[in-house]
Amino acid sequence: MGKGIFGGMFDFNGDGKMSAFERAAEFQFLHDVVMADEADDELSAAGLDRDELSWMDADERRAALEDAGLDPSDFDDDF
């Protein structure tokens, strides 16, 4: 089965093989990284900064996203 994309980082039981669960965890991690990058790109294109948004309370963040023409519900899991 191999060591996976990240060189065995997700070989939780240390047996040198990737089980179905370990492979799923690895792919979920990769998916989350790619999606975060896409969200960052979308925020940057709208002139927003993820760090600044994370310091805002929920109402301020929602207003900033709406003012930038973005759907705040698309970013519910990001903050």
PDB file of N, CA and C in Angstrom:
ATOM      1  N   MET A   1       0.804  -1.198   0.000  1.00  0.00           N
ATOM      2  CA  MET A   1       0.000   0.000   0.000  1.00  0.00           C
ATOM      3  C   MET A   1       0.847   1.263   0.000  1.00  0.00           C
ATOM      4  N   GLY A   2       2.079   1.219   0.394  1.00  0.00           N
ATOM      5  CA  GLY A   2       2.959   2.373   0.322  1.00  0.00           C
ATOM      6  C   GLY A   2       2.857   3.298   1.514  1.00  0.00           C
ATOM      7  N   LYS A   3       3.645   4.347   1.432  1.00  0.00           N
ATOM      8  CA  LYS A   3       3.712   5.299   2.536  1.00  0.00           C
ATOM      9  C   LYS A   3       2.787   6.486   2.360  1.00  0.00           C
ATOM     10  N   GLY A   4       2.100   6.605   1.263  1.00  0.00           N
ATOM     11  CA  GLY A   4       1.174   7.697   1.065  1.00  0.00           C
ATOM     12  C   GLY A   4       1.841   8.952   0.530  1.00  0.00           C
ATOM     13  N   ILE A   5       1.031   9.947   0.314  1.00  0.00           N
ATOM     14  CA  ILE A   5       1.476  11.199  -0.276  1.00  0.00           C
ATOM     15  C   ILE A   5       2.453  11.937   0.638  1.00  0.00           C
ATOM     16  N   PHE A   6       2.227  11.857   1.935  1.00  0.00           N
ATOM     17  CA  PHE A   6       3.027  12.601   2.893  1.00  0.00           C
ATOM     18  C   PHE A   6       4.086  11.745   3.579  1.00  0.00           C
ATOM     19  N   GLY A   7       4.524  10.679   2.928  1.00  0.00           N
ATOM     20  CA  GLY A   7       5.629   9.879   3.429  1.00  0.00           C
ATOM     21  C   GLY A   7       5.357   9.152   4.730  1.00  0.00           C
ATOM     22  N   GLY A   8       4.169   8.688   4.946  1.00  0.00           N
ATOM     23  CA  GLY A   8       3.875   7.922   6.144  1.00  0.00           C
ATOM     24  C   GLY A   8       3.434   8.757   7.333  1.00  0.00           C
ATOM     25  N   MET A   9       3.242  10.041   7.159  1.00  0.00           N
ATOM     26  CA  MET A   9       2.810  10.893   8.261  1.00  0.00           C
ATOM     27  C   MET A   9       1.471  10.414   8.838  1.00  0.00           C
ATOM     28  N   PHE A  10       0.658   9.780   8.008  1.00  0.00           N
ATOM     29  CA  PHE A  10      -0.650   9.311   8.445  1.00  0.00           C
ATOM     30  C   PHE A  10      -0.663   7.816   8.744  1.00  0.00           C
ATOM     31  N   ASP A  11       0.494   7.213   8.863  1.00  0.00           N
ATOM     32  CA  ASP A  11       0.597   5.805   9.270  1.00  0.00           C
ATOM     33  C   ASP A  11       0.495   5.779  10.794  1.00  0.00           C
ATOM     34  N   PHE A  12      -0.738   5.924  11.292  1.00  0.00           N
ATOM     35  CA  PHE A  12      -0.965   6.108  12.724  1.00  0.00           C
ATOM     36  C   PHE A  12      -0.499   4.930  13.569  1.00  0.00           C
ATOM     37  N   ASN A  13      -0.634   3.720  13.041  1.00  0.00           N
ATOM     38  CA  ASN A  13      -0.240   2.556  13.845  1.00  0.00           C
ATOM     39  C   ASN A  13       1.218   2.157  13.615  1.00  0.00           C
ATOM     40  N   GLY A  14       1.916   2.848  12.726  1.00  0.00           N
ATOM     41  CA  GLY A  14       3.345   2.632  12.521  1.00  0.00           C
ATOM     42  C   GLY A  14       3.720   1.297  11.917  1.00  0.00           C
ATOM     43  N   ASP A  15       2.797   0.671  11.185  1.00  0.00           N
ATOM     44  CA  ASP A  15       3.112  -0.632  10.601  1.00  0.00           C
ATOM     45  C   ASP A  15       3.745  -0.545   9.218  1.00  0.00           C
ATOM     46  N   GLY A  16       3.941   0.669   8.712  1.00  0.00           N
ATOM     47  CA  GLY A  16       4.567   0.847   7.409  1.00  0.00           C
ATOM     48  C   GLY A  16       3.612   0.709   6.243  1.00  0.00           C
ATOM     49  N   LYS A  17       2.350   0.472   6.522  1.00  0.00           N
ATOM     50  CA  LYS A  17       1.327   0.335   5.485  1.00  0.00           C
ATOM     51  C   LYS A  17       0.198   1.312   5.789  1.00  0.00           C
ATOM     52  N   MET A  18      -0.461   1.749   4.741  1.00  0.00           N
ATOM     53  CA  MET A  18      -1.583   2.671   4.898  1.00  0.00           C
ATOM     54  C   MET A  18      -2.891   1.893   4.850  1.00  0.00           C
ATOM     55  N   SER A  19      -3.618   1.877   5.963  1.00  0.00           N
ATOM     56  CA  SER A  19      -4.934   1.251   5.996  1.00  0.00           C
ATOM     57  C   SER A  19      -5.932   2.171   5.297  1.00  0.00           C
ATOM     58  N   ALA A  20      -7.131   1.688   5.091  1.00  0.00           N
ATOM     59  CA  ALA A  20      -8.171   2.506   4.455  1.00  0.00           C
ATOM     60  C   ALA A  20      -8.446   3.758   5.283  1.00  0.00           C
ATOM     61  N   PHE A  21      -8.487   3.609   6.601  1.00  0.00           N
ATOM     62  CA  PHE A  21      -8.726   4.762   7.471  1.00  0.00           C
ATOM     63  C   PHE A  21      -7.584   5.778   7.359  1.00  0.00           C
ATOM     64  N   GLU A  22      -6.360   5.306   7.381  1.00  0.00           N
ATOM     65  CA  GLU A  22      -5.203   6.189   7.302  1.00  0.00           C
ATOM     66  C   GLU A  22      -5.164   6.926   5.970  1.00  0.00           C
ATOM     67  N   ARG A  23      -5.501   6.231   4.886  1.00  0.00           N
ATOM     68  CA  ARG A  23      -5.536   6.871   3.573  1.00  0.00           C
ATOM     69  C   ARG A  23      -6.648   7.914   3.509  1.00  0.00           C
ATOM     70  N   ALA A  24      -7.792   7.592   4.115  1.00  0.00           N
ATOM     71  CA  ALA A  24      -8.902   8.549   4.136  1.00  0.00           C
ATOM     72  C   ALA A  24      -8.522   9.802   4.919  1.00  0.00           C
ATOM     73  N   ALA A  25      -7.842   9.631   6.040  1.00  0.00           N
ATOM     74  CA  ALA A  25      -7.397  10.777   6.839  1.00  0.00           C
ATOM     75  C   ALA A  25      -6.420  11.632   6.041  1.00  0.00           C
ATOM     76  N   GLU A  26      -5.528  10.991   5.311  1.00  0.00           N
ATOM     77  CA  GLU A  26      -4.556  11.702   4.491  1.00  0.00           C
ATOM     78  C   GLU A  26      -5.252  12.512   3.397  1.00  0.00           C
ATOM     79  N   PHE A  27      -6.216  11.904   2.721  1.00  0.00           N
ATOM     80  CA  PHE A  27      -6.926  12.609   1.653  1.00  0.00           C
ATOM     81  C   PHE A  27      -7.803  13.727   2.206  1.00  0.00           C
ATOM     82  N   GLN A  28      -8.394  13.531   3.383  1.00  0.00           N
ATOM     83  CA  GLN A  28      -9.185  14.601   3.994  1.00  0.00           C
ATOM     84  C   GLN A  28      -8.299  15.790   4.329  1.00  0.00           C
ATOM     85  N   PHE A  29      -7.113  15.520   4.853  1.00  0.00           N
ATOM     86  CA  PHE A  29      -6.160  16.588   5.166  1.00  0.00           C
ATOM     87  C   PHE A  29      -5.787  17.345   3.891  1.00  0.00           C
ATOM     88  N   LEU A  30      -5.472  16.619   2.832  1.00  0.00           N
ATOM     89  CA  LEU A  30      -5.112  17.243   1.561  1.00  0.00           C
ATOM     90  C   LEU A  30      -6.269  18.093   1.038  1.00  0.00           C
ATOM     91  N   HIS A  31      -7.476  17.563   1.112  1.00  0.00           N
ATOM     92  CA  HIS A  31      -8.664  18.301   0.676  1.00  0.00           C
ATOM     93  C   HIS A  31      -8.808  19.591   1.468  1.00  0.00           C
ATOM     94  N   ASP A  32      -8.646  19.525   2.784  1.00  0.00           N
ATOM     95  CA  ASP A  32      -8.783  20.718   3.627  1.00  0.00           C
ATOM     96  C   ASP A  32      -7.743  21.776   3.277  1.00  0.00           C
ATOM     97  N   VAL A  33      -6.523  21.351   2.992  1.00  0.00           N
ATOM     98  CA  VAL A  33      -5.463  22.295   2.627  1.00  0.00           C
ATOM     99  C   VAL A  33      -5.799  22.979   1.304  1.00  0.00           C
ATOM    100  N   VAL A  34      -6.224  22.217   0.328  1.00  0.00           N
ATOM    101  CA  VAL A  34      -6.559  22.780  -0.986  1.00  0.00           C
ATOM    102  C   VAL A  34      -7.745  23.740  -0.872  1.00  0.00           C
ATOM    103  N   MET A  35      -8.759  23.355  -0.118  1.00  0.00           N
ATOM    104  CA  MET A  35      -9.941  24.211   0.030  1.00  0.00           C
ATOM    105  C   MET A  35      -9.591  25.504   0.763  1.00  0.00           C
ATOM    106  N   ALA A  36      -8.716  25.435   1.751  1.00  0.00           N
ATOM    107  CA  ALA A  36      -8.295  26.639   2.472  1.00  0.00           C
ATOM    108  C   ALA A  36      -7.565  27.579   1.525  1.00  0.00           C
ATOM    109  N   ASP A  37      -6.730  27.026   0.660  1.00  0.00           N
ATOM    110  CA  ASP A  37      -6.013  27.850  -0.313  1.00  0.00           C
ATOM    111  C   ASP A  37      -6.987  28.544  -1.262  1.00  0.00           C
ATOM    112  N   GLU A  38      -8.008  27.818  -1.707  1.00  0.00           N
ATOM    113  CA  GLU A  38      -8.998  28.408  -2.606  1.00  0.00           C
ATOM    114  C   GLU A  38      -9.784  29.509  -1.905  1.00  0.00           C
ATOM    115  N   ALA A  39     -10.128  29.293  -0.633  1.00  0.00           N
ATOM    116  CA  ALA A  39     -10.848  30.313   0.128  1.00  0.00           C
ATOM    117  C   ALA A  39      -9.971  31.551   0.309  1.00  0.00           C
ATOM    118  N   ASP A  40      -8.683  31.344   0.608  1.00  0.00           N
ATOM    119  CA  ASP A  40      -7.762  32.471   0.750  1.00  0.00           C
ATOM    120  C   ASP A  40      -7.664  33.263  -0.547  1.00  0.00           C
ATOM    121  N   ASP A  41      -7.603  32.555  -1.668  1.00  0.00           N
ATOM    122  CA  ASP A  41      -7.540  33.224  -2.973  1.00  0.00           C
ATOM    123  C   ASP A  41      -8.794  34.062  -3.210  1.00  0.00           C
ATOM    124  N   GLU A  42      -9.947  33.500  -2.859  1.00  0.00           N
ATOM    125  CA  GLU A  42     -11.207  34.218  -3.056  1.00  0.00           C
ATOM    126  C   GLU A  42     -11.276  35.456  -2.157  1.00  0.00           C
ATOM    127  N   LEU A  43     -10.828  35.314  -0.905  1.00  0.00           N
ATOM    128  CA  LEU A  43     -10.814  36.459   0.005  1.00  0.00           C
ATOM    129  C   LEU A  43      -9.853  37.535  -0.486  1.00  0.00           C
ATOM    130  N   SER A  44      -8.674  37.119  -0.923  1.00  0.00           N
ATOM    131  CA  SER A  44      -7.675  38.075  -1.417  1.00  0.00           C
ATOM    132  C   SER A  44      -8.188  38.827  -2.638  1.00  0.00           C
ATOM    133  N   ALA A  45      -8.845  38.110  -3.535  1.00  0.00           N
ATOM    134  CA  ALA A  45      -9.385  38.745  -4.738  1.00  0.00           C
ATOM    135  C   ALA A  45     -10.436  39.790  -4.388  1.00  0.00           C
ATOM    136  N   ALA A  46     -11.119  39.598  -3.250  1.00  0.00           N
ATOM    137  CA  ALA A  46     -12.136  40.546  -2.811  1.00  0.00           C
ATOM    138  C   ALA A  46     -11.539  41.654  -1.947  1.00  0.00           C
ATOM    139  N   GLY A  47     -10.221  41.613  -1.735  1.00  0.00           N
ATOM    140  CA  GLY A  47      -9.563  42.644  -0.946  1.00  0.00           C
ATOM    141  C   GLY A  47      -9.648  42.416   0.549  1.00  0.00           C
ATOM    142  N   LEU A  48      -9.901  41.181   0.956  1.00  0.00           N
ATOM    143  CA  LEU A  48     -10.020  40.858   2.377  1.00  0.00           C
ATOM    144  C   LEU A  48      -8.835  40.017   2.833  1.00  0.00           C
ATOM    145  N   ASP A  49      -8.562  40.071   4.119  1.00  0.00           N
ATOM    146  CA  ASP A  49      -7.467  39.316   4.712  1.00  0.00           C
ATOM    147  C   ASP A  49      -8.035  38.350   5.753  1.00  0.00           C
ATOM    148  N   ARG A  50      -7.649  37.091   5.667  1.00  0.00           N
ATOM    149  CA  ARG A  50      -8.170  36.072   6.577  1.00  0.00           C
ATOM    150  C   ARG A  50      -7.892  36.429   8.041  1.00  0.00           C
ATOM    151  N   ASP A  51      -6.687  36.908   8.329  1.00  0.00           N
ATOM    152  CA  ASP A  51      -6.346  37.246   9.711  1.00  0.00           C
ATOM    153  C   ASP A  51      -7.232  38.359  10.244  1.00  0.00           C
ATOM    154  N   GLU A  52      -7.433  39.397   9.452  1.00  0.00           N
ATOM    155  CA  GLU A  52      -8.290  40.497   9.888  1.00  0.00           C
ATOM    156  C   GLU A  52      -9.720  40.007  10.117  1.00  0.00           C
ATOM    157  N   LEU A  53     -10.208  39.165   9.238  1.00  0.00           N
ATOM    158  CA  LEU A  53     -11.552  38.624   9.407  1.00  0.00           C
ATOM    159  C   LEU A  53     -11.655  37.770  10.666  1.00  0.00           C
ATOM    160  N   SER A  54     -10.603  37.036  10.990  1.00  0.00           N
ATOM    161  CA  SER A  54     -10.657  36.162  12.163  1.00  0.00           C
ATOM    162  C   SER A  54     -10.699  36.968  13.463  1.00  0.00           C
ATOM    163  N   TRP A  55     -10.210  38.216  13.440  1.00  0.00           N
ATOM    164  CA  TRP A  55     -10.245  39.058  14.634  1.00  0.00           C
ATOM    165  C   TRP A  55     -11.604  39.720  14.839  1.00  0.00           C
ATOM    166  N   MET A  56     -12.422  39.731  13.803  1.00  0.00           N
ATOM    167  CA  MET A  56     -13.742  40.361  13.890  1.00  0.00           C
ATOM    168  C   MET A  56     -14.729  39.429  14.585  1.00  0.00           C
ATOM    169  N   ASP A  57     -15.774  40.039  15.178  1.00  0.00           N
ATOM    170  CA  ASP A  57     -16.838  39.184  15.697  1.00  0.00           C
ATOM    171  C   ASP A  57     -17.689  38.728  14.503  1.00  0.00           C
ATOM    172  N   ALA A  58     -18.588  37.814  14.751  1.00  0.00           N
ATOM    173  CA  ALA A  58     -19.348  37.184  13.660  1.00  0.00           C
ATOM    174  C   ALA A  58     -20.141  38.200  12.836  1.00  0.00           C
ATOM    175  N   ASP A  59     -20.739  39.191  13.495  1.00  0.00           N
ATOM    176  CA  ASP A  59     -21.545  40.179  12.769  1.00  0.00           C
ATOM    177  C   ASP A  59     -20.675  41.077  11.884  1.00  0.00           C
ATOM    178  N   GLU A  60     -19.525  41.494  12.402  1.00  0.00           N
ATOM    179  CA  GLU A  60     -18.604  42.322  11.612  1.00  0.00           C
ATOM    180  C   GLU A  60     -18.068  41.542  10.415  1.00  0.00           C
ATOM    181  N   ARG A  61     -17.730  40.267  10.651  1.00  0.00           N
ATOM    182  CA  ARG A  61     -17.198  39.428   9.575  1.00  0.00           C
ATOM    183  C   ARG A  61     -18.244  39.241   8.487  1.00  0.00           C
ATOM    184  N   ARG A  62     -19.494  38.960   8.897  1.00  0.00           N
ATOM    185  CA  ARG A  62     -20.580  38.776   7.935  1.00  0.00           C
ATOM    186  C   ARG A  62     -20.753  40.042   7.095  1.00  0.00           C
ATOM    187  N   ALA A  63     -20.747  41.199   7.738  1.00  0.00           N
ATOM    188  CA  ALA A  63     -20.914  42.467   7.024  1.00  0.00           C
ATOM    189  C   ALA A  63     -19.756  42.708   6.056  1.00  0.00           C
ATOM    190  N   ALA A  64     -18.532  42.423   6.487  1.00  0.00           N
ATOM    191  CA  ALA A  64     -17.366  42.631   5.614  1.00  0.00           C
ATOM    192  C   ALA A  64     -17.443  41.723   4.392  1.00  0.00           C
ATOM    193  N   LEU A  65     -17.835  40.477   4.592  1.00  0.00           N
ATOM    194  CA  LEU A  65     -17.953  39.541   3.469  1.00  0.00           C
ATOM    195  C   LEU A  65     -19.060  39.975   2.514  1.00  0.00           C
ATOM    196  N   GLU A  66     -20.199  40.384   3.074  1.00  0.00           N
ATOM    197  CA  GLU A  66     -21.299  40.843   2.221  1.00  0.00           C
ATOM    198  C   GLU A  66     -20.916  42.104   1.453  1.00  0.00           C
ATOM    199  N   ASP A  67     -20.224  43.039   2.129  1.00  0.00           N
ATOM    200  CA  ASP A  67     -19.791  44.272   1.458  1.00  0.00           C
ATOM    201  C   ASP A  67     -18.831  43.977   0.302  1.00  0.00           C
ATOM    202  N   ALA A  68     -18.072  42.890   0.428  1.00  0.00           N
ATOM    203  CA  ALA A  68     -17.132  42.504  -0.625  1.00  0.00           C
ATOM    204  C   ALA A  68     -17.818  41.685  -1.720  1.00  0.00           C
ATOM    205  N   GLY A  69     -19.113  41.443  -1.562  1.00  0.00           N
ATOM    206  CA  GLY A  69     -19.857  40.697  -2.569  1.00  0.00           C
ATOM    207  C   GLY A  69     -19.738  39.195  -2.442  1.00  0.00           C
ATOM    208  N   LEU A  70     -19.334  38.732  -1.260  1.00  0.00           N
ATOM    209  CA  LEU A  70     -19.189  37.295  -1.020  1.00  0.00           C
ATOM    210  C   LEU A  70     -20.335  36.790  -0.154  1.00  0.00           C
ATOM    211  N   ASP A  71     -20.644  35.521  -0.286  1.00  0.00           N
ATOM    212  CA  ASP A  71     -21.676  34.893   0.526  1.00  0.00           C
ATOM    213  C   ASP A  71     -21.048  34.421   1.839  1.00  0.00           C
ATOM    214  N   PRO A  72     -21.402  35.022   2.967  1.00  0.00           N
ATOM    215  CA  PRO A  72     -20.788  34.641   4.245  1.00  0.00           C
ATOM    216  C   PRO A  72     -20.953  33.162   4.586  1.00  0.00           C
ATOM    217  N   SER A  73     -22.040  32.549   4.127  1.00  0.00           N
ATOM    218  CA  SER A  73     -22.250  31.129   4.434  1.00  0.00           C
ATOM    219  C   SER A  73     -21.199  30.235   3.759  1.00  0.00           C
ATOM    220  N   ASP A  74     -20.553  30.742   2.712  1.00  0.00           N
ATOM    221  CA  ASP A  74     -19.485  29.964   2.063  1.00  0.00           C
ATOM    222  C   ASP A  74     -18.254  29.857   2.943  1.00  0.00           C
ATOM    223  N   PHE A  75     -18.180  30.696   3.977  1.00  0.00           N
ATOM    224  CA  PHE A  75     -16.991  30.746   4.832  1.00  0.00           C
ATOM    225  C   PHE A  75     -17.299  30.363   6.279  1.00  0.00           C
ATOM    226  N   ASP A  76     -18.454  29.748   6.515  1.00  0.00           N
ATOM    227  CA  ASP A  76     -18.848  29.377   7.876  1.00  0.00           C
ATOM    228  C   ASP A  76     -17.831  28.498   8.583  1.00  0.00           C
ATOM    229  N   ASP A  77     -17.220  27.585   7.863  1.00  0.00           N
ATOM    230  CA  ASP A  77     -16.270  26.644   8.477  1.00  0.00           C
ATOM    231  C   ASP A  77     -14.848  27.208   8.570  1.00  0.00           C
ATOM    232  N   ASP A  78     -14.632  28.404   8.064  1.00  0.00           N
ATOM    233  CA  ASP A  78     -13.286  28.965   8.002  1.00  0.00           C
ATOM    234  C   ASP A  78     -12.899  29.790   9.230  1.00  0.00           C
ATOM    235  N   PHE A  79     -13.896  30.195  10.024  1.00  0.00           N
ATOM    236  CA  PHE A  79     -13.587  31.075  11.156  1.00  0.00           C
ATOM    237  C   PHE A  79     -14.187  30.544  12.435  1.00  0.00           C
TER     238      PHE A  79
END
